[in-house]
Amino acid sequence: MAREDVERRQPMGAPEHGVGSGRLRKTRVSNEHDRDQSLLEEVPRPCIFSLVHASLFNIYYLVRNGPKNQPIKAFPKGLRMVAGDPNRKTYNASSFADQAVSYVCLDYSGAHNNDRNYAERPNFFPQNCPNGMRAQIFFPACWDGVNLDSPDHKSHMAYPIQNYNSGDCPDSHPVHLVSLFYEMIVSVDQYSYWGPGTWVFANGDTTGYGHHGDFRDGWDTALLQTAIDTCTNANGNVMDCPALAAHFDQASADACVLETEYVDENIGADPSQPIIKLPGCNPIWDGTGSKPACPNADAGTPSLVPAQTPLPSRWSEVGCIAEGTSGRALTGASLTSKTMTRAVCAHFCASKGFKLAGVEFGDECYCDNQVRNGASQNTITWNLCTSHCAANANEICGGPARLTLLSTANPGTVSSASPSVHSTTAKPSSTANAASSAVLV
């Protein structure tokens, strides 16, 4: 009898924010054999792991003055910093850096309001959480005024004197920056809890002490400073801040995809294909001792693969165009498929001898040698095409009455086989299956 109990999480944020270590749920699997109809034997087998998704990811920019009322400044251009430590296995109650990393066990019913096991704590809980677990990180807000980074990504920053989340800056780090706070709700309630070790970060940490986040500034410094100075009554809604609302572009956000490469390694994202070891050769790391060494150091480094399926030879993307005004822009041939990508469409149209291919609504492909019915090859604003491809969420395949147009001068000869698809869902590009927002408070 196989018993399933597993999870992991690996979300990201913006402008360039990160939450480290990925989160997995560990499942013990056992076999029980009926030997003489009275004795059962349990044969241990390897743990298995699969991804636990984050259901919400918020980033707060907080104006937290101390008694001296020091001016709050925007991040200097190019600032980088890390909060938390992936190698930490203990908790120092007097350390602001340790206090700044914590968890909350969510139970909206109020049934556990006075339960110590459900109170905010620095490590994983000894039980499941009815409405998920919130992992949170508060970054240091005091800058030395000189260095945009440091070898440990921390020394150029410091926590305030009075508290980790508010107060005056020390003389060694006199510039008080806007405070940065990450919170992420992880859907642990969707899985069974079978005891310590149920939850594990991708680096092998089963305690939760190793939770950490990183930040690399990508802000327009003047814009952020204006928001800090003028949006003093903002209460969690970006649109309540005129300085930010003027630059808010939901269409571009919806059409944004990963255009680089990712590591070609199974991270347990598919619930039907759990993994038997953590990504990156990370053994389970229980207790407070040193991190165990990789048991297979000669395994080699996984290769990088394109986030977007490459187009066939001689094909290129024209861009986003509008559909025809009196019918389809491309009428020569069509295909609807759950495995649709731009490459699949180009391959299909080339096999039919057409020079133009257009993908629409994520899973539709149309072919022709010219555009028809009032359509034009003149491109429109790129963010009007917002439908992610059915077989690869890192690609855009048109939109409502919009085509992502592809073209070639010579379709050439192609095989009947369709090109392979690397991924059916977005890889570690962003917060897939998670809501993400930046909030000025």
Protein backbone atom coordinates (compact mmCIF):
# COMPACT_ATOMS: atom_id res chain seq x y z
CA MET A 1 0.00 0.00 0.00
CA ALA A 2 1.51 3.33 -1.02
CA ARG A 3 0.98 6.33 1.21
CA GLU A 4 1.29 9.78 -0.42
CA ASP A 5 2.33 12.81 1.66
CA VAL A 6 4.54 15.42 -0.25
CA GLU A 7 5.26 19.23 -1.10
CA ARG A 8 7.47 22.12 -2.32
CA ARG A 9 7.40 25.79 -3.20
CA GLN A 10 9.58 28.02 -5.35
CA PRO A 11 8.12 31.46 -6.01
CA MET A 12 9.66 34.74 -7.29
CA GLY A 13 8.69 38.38 -7.23
CA ALA A 14 9.38 41.78 -8.79
CA PRO A 15 11.17 44.02 -9.74
CA GLU A 16 13.84 41.41 -8.99
CA HIS A 17 12.93 39.72 -5.76
CA GLY A 18 13.53 36.14 -4.83
CA VAL A 19 12.53 33.72 -2.15
CA GLY A 20 15.02 30.97 -1.79
CA SER A 21 15.30 27.28 -1.33
CA GLY A 22 12.10 26.12 -2.99
CA ARG A 23 9.65 24.18 -0.85
CA LEU A 24 8.85 20.51 -1.14
CA ARG A 25 6.65 18.11 0.71
CA LYS A 26 8.24 14.78 1.54
CA THR A 27 6.25 11.60 1.13
CA ARG A 28 7.10 8.30 2.72
CA VAL A 29 6.23 5.32 0.60
CA SER A 30 5.96 1.80 2.00
CA ASN A 31 4.85 -1.61 0.90
CA GLU A 32 2.79 -3.88 3.11
CA HIS A 33 2.62 -7.57 2.23
CA ASP A 34 0.01 -9.99 3.61
CA ARG A 35 2.32 -12.94 4.35
CA ASP A 36 0.27 -15.27 6.55
CA GLN A 37 -2.96 -13.30 6.82
CA SER A 38 -1.98 -12.11 10.30
CA LEU A 39 1.46 -10.52 9.98
CA LEU A 40 2.09 -7.32 8.00
CA GLU A 41 5.59 -6.30 6.98
CA GLU A 42 6.42 -2.68 6.15
CA VAL A 43 9.37 -2.34 3.79
CA PRO A 44 10.75 1.22 3.76
CA ARG A 45 11.37 2.75 0.36
CA PRO A 46 12.79 6.16 -0.66
CA CYS A 47 10.89 9.35 0.12
CA ILE A 48 9.29 11.14 -2.78
CA PHE A 49 8.80 14.86 -3.26
CA SER A 50 6.58 17.19 -5.24
CA LEU A 51 6.05 20.91 -5.56
CA VAL A 52 3.86 22.82 -3.14
CA HIS A 53 2.56 25.94 -4.84
CA ALA A 54 2.37 29.39 -3.35
CA SER A 55 -1.20 30.67 -3.53
CA LEU A 56 -0.26 34.29 -2.77
CA PHE A 57 2.91 36.36 -2.88
CA ASN A 58 2.87 39.97 -1.66
CA ILE A 59 5.73 42.45 -1.52
CA TYR A 60 5.30 45.42 0.80
CA TYR A 61 7.24 48.71 0.75
CA LEU A 62 6.84 50.12 4.24
CA VAL A 63 7.65 53.57 5.59
CA ARG A 64 8.85 52.74 9.11
CA ASN A 65 10.41 55.75 10.88
CA GLY A 66 12.12 55.54 14.25
CA PRO A 67 12.12 58.05 17.12
CA LYS A 68 14.54 60.32 15.23
CA ASN A 69 12.15 60.47 12.26
CA GLN A 70 14.98 59.94 9.78
CA PRO A 71 14.06 60.60 6.14
CA ILE A 72 13.11 57.45 4.23
CA LYS A 73 15.00 57.04 0.97
CA ALA A 74 14.42 54.97 -2.16
CA PHE A 75 16.81 52.14 -2.93
CA PRO A 76 19.99 53.39 -4.61
CA LYS A 77 20.28 52.22 -8.20
CA GLY A 78 21.78 48.73 -8.35
CA LEU A 79 21.39 47.81 -4.67
CA ARG A 80 21.49 44.11 -3.86
CA MET A 81 20.84 42.37 -0.56
CA VAL A 82 19.89 39.08 1.06
CA ALA A 83 17.78 38.46 4.15
CA GLY A 84 17.88 35.13 5.94
CA ASP A 85 20.45 32.38 5.50
CA PRO A 86 19.92 29.08 3.63
CA ASN A 87 22.50 27.41 5.88
CA ARG A 88 20.99 28.51 9.20
CA LYS A 89 19.77 25.63 11.37
CA THR A 90 19.23 27.33 14.74
CA TYR A 91 17.38 30.34 16.12
CA ASN A 92 18.91 33.19 18.15
CA ALA A 93 16.05 35.06 19.83
CA SER A 94 18.24 38.16 20.34
CA SER A 95 19.20 38.43 16.66
CA PHE A 96 17.12 40.81 14.55
CA ALA A 97 18.30 38.92 11.45
CA ASP A 98 16.79 35.71 12.86
CA GLN A 99 13.63 37.45 14.08
CA ALA A 100 13.08 38.84 10.58
CA VAL A 101 12.30 35.36 9.19
CA SER A 102 9.12 33.71 10.49
CA TYR A 103 6.04 31.63 9.71
CA VAL A 104 2.33 31.96 10.48
CA CYS A 105 -0.05 28.99 10.56
CA LEU A 106 -3.30 30.26 9.04
CA ASP A 107 -6.67 29.26 10.44
CA TYR A 108 -9.35 31.76 9.47
CA SER A 109 -11.94 30.04 11.66
CA GLY A 110 -10.29 31.40 14.80
CA ALA A 111 -10.34 27.97 16.43
CA HIS A 112 -6.64 28.18 17.30
CA ASN A 113 -6.28 31.85 18.26
CA ASN A 114 -4.74 30.98 21.65
CA ASP A 115 -2.96 27.81 20.62
CA ARG A 116 0.82 28.06 21.09
CA ASN A 117 1.38 25.59 18.26
CA TYR A 118 -0.28 28.04 15.87
CA ALA A 119 1.53 31.20 17.04
CA GLU A 120 4.07 32.93 14.80
CA ARG A 121 7.35 31.05 14.96
CA PRO A 122 10.81 30.93 13.29
CA ASN A 123 10.51 27.38 11.93
CA PHE A 124 8.02 24.90 10.49
CA PHE A 125 4.93 24.03 12.52
CA PRO A 126 4.39 20.67 14.26
CA GLN A 127 1.03 20.28 12.50
CA ASN A 128 -0.69 21.19 9.27
CA CYS A 129 -2.31 24.61 8.81
CA PRO A 130 -6.02 24.71 7.88
CA ASN A 131 -5.68 27.65 5.47
CA GLY A 132 -2.04 27.34 4.49
CA MET A 133 1.25 28.50 5.95
CA ARG A 134 2.54 32.06 5.52
CA ALA A 135 6.31 32.40 5.18
CA GLN A 136 7.58 35.95 5.68
CA ILE A 137 10.85 37.87 5.52
CA PHE A 138 11.68 41.42 6.61
CA PHE A 139 14.77 42.92 4.97
CA PRO A 140 17.28 45.21 6.71
CA ALA A 141 16.43 48.87 6.01
CA CYS A 142 19.69 50.64 6.93
CA TRP A 143 22.36 51.18 4.25
CA ASP A 144 26.00 52.15 4.73
CA GLY A 145 25.58 54.81 2.04
CA VAL A 146 28.54 53.55 0.00
CA ASN A 147 28.38 49.92 -1.13
CA LEU A 148 25.65 48.58 -3.39
CA ASP A 149 26.61 45.03 -2.43
CA SER A 150 29.08 43.13 -0.25
CA PRO A 151 30.70 39.67 -0.45
CA ASP A 152 28.06 38.17 1.85
CA HIS A 153 25.31 40.38 0.34
CA LYS A 154 24.51 41.56 3.89
CA SER A 155 27.33 43.59 5.46
CA HIS A 156 26.47 46.80 3.61
CA MET A 157 23.01 46.63 5.20
CA ALA A 158 21.84 46.55 8.84
CA TYR A 159 18.63 46.29 10.81
CA PRO A 160 17.47 49.35 12.80
CA ILE A 161 18.54 49.83 16.40
CA GLN A 162 15.17 49.35 18.12
CA ASN A 163 13.66 46.46 16.16
CA TYR A 164 14.08 44.39 13.04
CA ASN A 165 11.04 46.02 11.39
CA SER A 166 11.24 49.65 12.55
CA GLY A 167 13.45 52.15 14.32
CA ASP A 168 16.46 54.41 13.78
CA CYS A 169 19.50 53.45 11.74
CA PRO A 170 22.91 53.00 13.42
CA ASP A 171 25.80 55.37 12.66
CA SER A 172 27.56 52.61 10.73
CA HIS A 173 24.60 52.38 8.32
CA PRO A 174 23.06 55.86 8.47
CA VAL A 175 20.84 55.87 5.36
CA HIS A 176 17.29 54.76 6.18
CA LEU A 177 15.77 53.05 3.14
CA VAL A 178 12.16 52.11 2.59
CA SER A 179 11.49 48.81 4.39
CA LEU A 180 10.94 45.70 2.29
CA PHE A 181 8.72 42.83 3.46
CA TYR A 182 7.87 39.60 1.62
CA GLU A 183 4.98 37.33 2.50
CA MET A 184 4.04 34.14 0.75
CA ILE A 185 1.19 31.77 1.53
CA VAL A 186 2.03 28.16 0.76
CA SER A 187 -0.82 25.69 0.24
CA VAL A 188 0.33 23.07 2.75
CA ASP A 189 -3.32 22.48 3.62
CA GLN A 190 -3.68 20.61 0.33
CA TYR A 191 -1.44 17.81 1.60
CA SER A 192 -1.28 15.40 4.51
CA TYR A 193 0.97 16.01 7.51
CA TRP A 194 2.65 12.91 8.91
CA GLY A 195 5.18 14.43 11.32
CA PRO A 196 8.50 16.31 11.40
CA GLY A 197 10.12 16.28 7.99
CA THR A 198 6.85 16.50 6.05
CA TRP A 199 7.92 19.87 4.66
CA VAL A 200 11.39 20.37 3.22
CA PHE A 201 13.13 23.14 1.32
CA ALA A 202 14.86 22.23 -1.93
CA ASN A 203 18.25 22.61 -0.21
CA GLY A 204 17.27 19.73 2.09
CA ASP A 205 16.32 21.82 5.15
CA THR A 206 13.46 20.23 7.09
CA THR A 207 13.44 22.84 9.90
CA GLY A 208 12.45 26.00 8.00
CA TYR A 209 15.26 28.04 9.58
CA GLY A 210 16.94 28.27 6.17
CA HIS A 211 14.21 30.36 4.55
CA HIS A 212 15.70 33.42 2.85
CA GLY A 213 15.01 36.06 0.22
CA ASP A 214 17.04 38.19 -2.13
CA PHE A 215 16.52 41.60 -3.69
CA ARG A 216 18.15 43.33 -6.65
CA ASP A 217 16.98 46.85 -7.34
CA GLY A 218 15.25 47.49 -10.64
CA TRP A 219 13.27 50.58 -9.67
CA ASP A 220 13.20 53.99 -11.28
CA THR A 221 14.74 55.67 -8.22
CA ALA A 222 12.94 59.00 -8.69
CA LEU A 223 9.58 57.26 -9.14
CA LEU A 224 9.98 55.19 -5.98
CA GLN A 225 11.06 58.26 -4.01
CA THR A 226 8.00 60.16 -5.22
CA ALA A 227 5.79 57.27 -4.11
CA ILE A 228 7.45 57.21 -0.69
CA ASP A 229 7.07 60.96 -0.23
CA THR A 230 3.54 61.42 -1.57
CA CYS A 231 1.62 58.18 -1.03
CA THR A 232 1.50 58.44 2.73
CA ASN A 233 -2.05 57.13 3.00
CA ALA A 234 -1.64 54.11 0.72
CA ASN A 235 -3.17 51.02 2.27
CA GLY A 236 -2.20 48.03 0.18
CA ASN A 237 -3.54 49.03 -3.25
CA VAL A 238 -1.00 50.22 -5.83
CA MET A 239 -3.74 52.11 -7.66
CA ASP A 240 -4.27 54.29 -4.57
CA CYS A 241 -0.84 55.82 -5.22
CA PRO A 242 -1.09 58.25 -8.20
CA ALA A 243 2.65 58.17 -8.84
CA LEU A 244 2.57 54.38 -9.32
CA ALA A 245 -0.88 54.17 -10.90
CA ALA A 246 0.33 56.37 -13.76
CA HIS A 247 2.88 53.70 -14.67
CA PHE A 248 0.76 50.62 -14.00
CA ASP A 249 0.52 48.50 -17.17
CA GLN A 250 -1.51 45.33 -16.65
CA ALA A 251 -1.47 44.42 -20.35
CA SER A 252 2.33 44.32 -20.44
CA ALA A 253 2.41 42.32 -17.23
CA ASP A 254 0.00 39.76 -18.71
CA ALA A 255 2.09 39.45 -21.89
CA CYS A 256 5.42 39.16 -20.07
CA VAL A 257 7.15 35.79 -20.49
CA LEU A 258 10.54 34.26 -19.78
CA GLU A 259 12.79 34.55 -22.83
CA THR A 260 15.99 33.04 -21.47
CA GLU A 261 16.95 29.49 -20.41
CA TYR A 262 16.20 27.32 -17.40
CA VAL A 263 17.85 24.29 -15.85
CA ASP A 264 16.59 21.09 -17.45
CA GLU A 265 15.84 19.24 -14.22
CA ASN A 266 12.68 17.72 -12.82
CA ILE A 267 11.67 19.78 -9.77
CA GLY A 268 8.51 17.85 -8.93
CA ALA A 269 6.07 20.37 -10.39
CA ASP A 270 3.91 17.67 -11.98
CA PRO A 271 1.86 15.96 -9.20
CA SER A 272 1.68 12.80 -11.30
CA GLN A 273 5.48 12.58 -11.49
CA PRO A 274 6.93 13.07 -7.99
CA ILE A 275 10.70 12.97 -7.65
CA ILE A 276 12.70 10.62 -5.43
CA LYS A 277 15.49 13.09 -4.64
CA LEU A 278 15.73 16.84 -4.25
CA PRO A 279 16.89 18.94 -7.21
CA GLY A 280 20.56 19.89 -7.35
CA CYS A 281 21.79 16.85 -5.41
CA ASN A 282 20.66 18.09 -2.00
CA PRO A 283 20.31 15.32 0.61
CA ILE A 284 17.74 15.63 3.39
CA TRP A 285 19.24 17.90 6.06
CA ASP A 286 17.67 17.16 9.43
CA GLY A 287 18.82 18.52 12.78
CA THR A 288 21.47 21.15 13.44
CA GLY A 289 24.59 19.49 12.06
CA SER A 290 26.53 20.37 8.93
CA LYS A 291 24.83 19.98 5.61
CA PRO A 292 25.37 16.47 4.20
CA ALA A 293 27.56 16.20 1.13
CA CYS A 294 26.10 15.35 -2.24
CA PRO A 295 26.17 11.54 -2.47
CA ASN A 296 26.86 11.70 -6.20
CA ALA A 297 29.25 14.59 -6.71
CA ASP A 298 30.20 13.32 -10.17
CA ALA A 299 26.64 13.33 -11.45
CA GLY A 300 27.31 16.37 -13.61
CA THR A 301 25.48 19.66 -14.00
CA PRO A 302 22.07 19.65 -15.69
CA SER A 303 22.00 21.38 -19.04
CA LEU A 304 20.18 24.61 -19.86
CA VAL A 305 17.26 24.54 -22.27
CA PRO A 306 15.37 27.43 -23.89
CA ALA A 307 12.28 28.56 -22.02
CA GLN A 308 10.66 29.00 -25.43
CA THR A 309 10.63 26.24 -28.04
CA PRO A 310 12.93 27.36 -30.90
CA LEU A 311 11.23 28.05 -34.22
CA PRO A 312 12.07 25.82 -37.19
CA SER A 313 14.99 26.86 -39.37
CA ARG A 314 14.28 29.89 -41.59
CA TRP A 315 11.19 30.87 -39.59
CA SER A 316 10.97 34.11 -37.59
CA GLU A 317 8.35 35.94 -35.55
CA VAL A 318 6.79 39.02 -37.17
CA GLY A 319 4.88 40.09 -34.07
CA CYS A 320 1.33 40.68 -32.89
CA ILE A 321 -1.24 41.50 -35.60
CA ALA A 322 -5.01 42.01 -35.62
CA GLU A 323 -7.35 39.41 -37.10
CA GLY A 324 -9.15 40.18 -40.33
CA THR A 325 -12.09 42.58 -40.22
CA SER A 326 -14.36 40.39 -42.37
CA GLY A 327 -13.02 36.91 -41.69
CA ARG A 328 -9.87 35.01 -40.78
CA ALA A 329 -6.59 36.62 -41.69
CA LEU A 330 -5.12 33.24 -42.62
CA THR A 331 -7.41 30.70 -44.30
CA GLY A 332 -5.15 28.12 -45.98
CA ALA A 333 -5.12 25.52 -43.21
CA SER A 334 -5.81 25.32 -39.49
CA LEU A 335 -5.00 23.23 -36.45
CA THR A 336 -6.22 23.24 -32.84
CA SER A 337 -4.06 21.38 -30.36
CA LYS A 338 -3.36 21.15 -26.63
CA THR A 339 0.32 20.82 -27.57
CA MET A 340 0.38 24.18 -29.34
CA THR A 341 3.51 26.35 -29.34
CA ARG A 342 4.76 28.82 -31.94
CA ALA A 343 7.11 26.12 -33.26
CA VAL A 344 4.31 23.55 -33.54
CA CYS A 345 2.28 26.00 -35.61
CA ALA A 346 5.21 26.94 -37.86
CA HIS A 347 6.02 23.27 -38.36
CA PHE A 348 2.41 22.49 -39.27
CA CYS A 349 2.15 25.33 -41.77
CA ALA A 350 5.51 24.46 -43.32
CA SER A 351 4.35 20.87 -43.79
CA LYS A 352 1.41 22.26 -45.79
CA GLY A 353 3.70 24.47 -47.89
CA PHE A 354 2.61 27.82 -46.42
CA LYS A 355 4.87 30.80 -45.70
CA LEU A 356 2.78 32.40 -42.97
CA ALA A 357 1.67 30.91 -39.66
CA GLY A 358 -0.41 32.53 -36.97
CA VAL A 359 -1.23 31.31 -33.46
CA GLU A 360 -4.33 32.56 -31.65
CA PHE A 361 -6.13 31.97 -28.32
CA GLY A 362 -3.23 29.82 -27.10
CA ASP A 363 -4.10 26.61 -28.98
CA GLU A 364 -5.17 27.60 -32.51
CA CYS A 365 -2.91 27.69 -35.59
CA TYR A 366 -3.73 29.19 -39.01
CA CYS A 367 -1.73 29.12 -42.25
CA ASP A 368 -1.64 30.96 -45.57
CA ASN A 369 0.69 32.63 -48.05
CA GLN A 370 -0.86 36.06 -47.53
CA VAL A 371 -3.12 37.83 -45.06
CA ARG A 372 -6.74 38.25 -46.10
CA ASN A 373 -10.10 39.74 -45.17
CA GLY A 374 -8.84 43.18 -44.26
CA ALA A 375 -5.91 42.02 -42.13
CA SER A 376 -2.43 43.49 -42.39
CA GLN A 377 1.08 42.31 -41.56
CA ASN A 378 1.64 45.63 -39.82
CA THR A 379 2.19 44.81 -36.18
CA ILE A 380 0.18 46.30 -33.33
CA THR A 381 1.30 46.90 -29.75
CA TRP A 382 3.02 43.73 -28.53
CA ASN A 383 1.04 43.51 -25.30
CA LEU A 384 -2.27 43.11 -27.13
CA CYS A 385 -1.29 39.46 -27.64
CA THR A 386 -1.64 37.94 -24.18
CA SER A 387 -2.66 34.28 -24.64
CA HIS A 388 0.02 31.92 -23.37
CA CYS A 389 0.65 28.90 -25.57
CA ALA A 390 -1.24 25.78 -24.52
CA ALA A 391 1.92 23.67 -24.25
CA ASN A 392 4.35 26.31 -23.01
CA ALA A 393 3.27 29.17 -20.77
CA ASN A 394 6.59 30.92 -21.49
CA GLU A 395 5.40 31.68 -25.02
CA ILE A 396 2.66 33.97 -26.30
CA CYS A 397 0.27 32.50 -28.86
CA GLY A 398 -1.86 35.42 -29.96
CA GLY A 399 -4.91 36.63 -28.07
CA PRO A 400 -8.58 37.50 -28.55
CA ALA A 401 -8.85 38.43 -32.26
CA ARG A 402 -5.05 38.75 -32.30
CA LEU A 403 -2.43 36.57 -33.97
CA THR A 404 1.22 36.03 -33.19
CA LEU A 405 2.40 36.01 -36.79
CA LEU A 406 5.33 33.88 -37.97
CA SER A 407 6.83 33.87 -41.44
CA THR A 408 9.41 32.26 -43.71
CA ALA A 409 10.58 32.98 -47.24
CA ASN A 410 10.72 29.28 -48.04
CA PRO A 411 8.82 26.64 -46.05
CA GLY A 412 11.21 23.98 -47.35
CA THR A 413 10.83 20.29 -46.69
CA VAL A 414 9.89 19.20 -43.19
CA SER A 415 9.33 15.85 -41.54
CA SER A 416 5.87 14.82 -40.39
CA ALA A 417 6.96 14.71 -36.74
CA SER A 418 6.16 17.69 -34.58
CA PRO A 419 8.97 19.40 -32.65
CA SER A 420 9.39 18.40 -29.04
CA VAL A 421 7.98 20.60 -26.31
CA HIS A 422 10.19 21.14 -23.28
CA SER A 423 7.46 22.15 -20.85
CA THR A 424 3.71 22.16 -20.50
CA THR A 425 3.78 24.83 -17.81
CA ALA A 426 5.89 27.84 -16.97
CA LYS A 427 9.22 26.80 -15.51
CA PRO A 428 10.87 28.79 -12.71
CA SER A 429 10.04 31.99 -14.48
CA SER A 430 7.75 33.59 -11.98
CA THR A 431 4.93 32.94 -9.62
CA ALA A 432 2.98 30.47 -11.69
CA ASN A 433 -0.28 29.61 -9.92
CA ALA A 434 0.31 32.44 -7.46
CA ALA A 435 -0.98 35.97 -7.14
CA SER A 436 1.82 38.53 -6.84
CA SER A 437 1.71 42.22 -6.02
CA ALA A 438 3.84 45.08 -4.81
CA VAL A 439 2.22 47.08 -2.04
CA LEU A 440 3.26 50.46 -0.66
CA VAL A 441 2.05 50.98 2.90
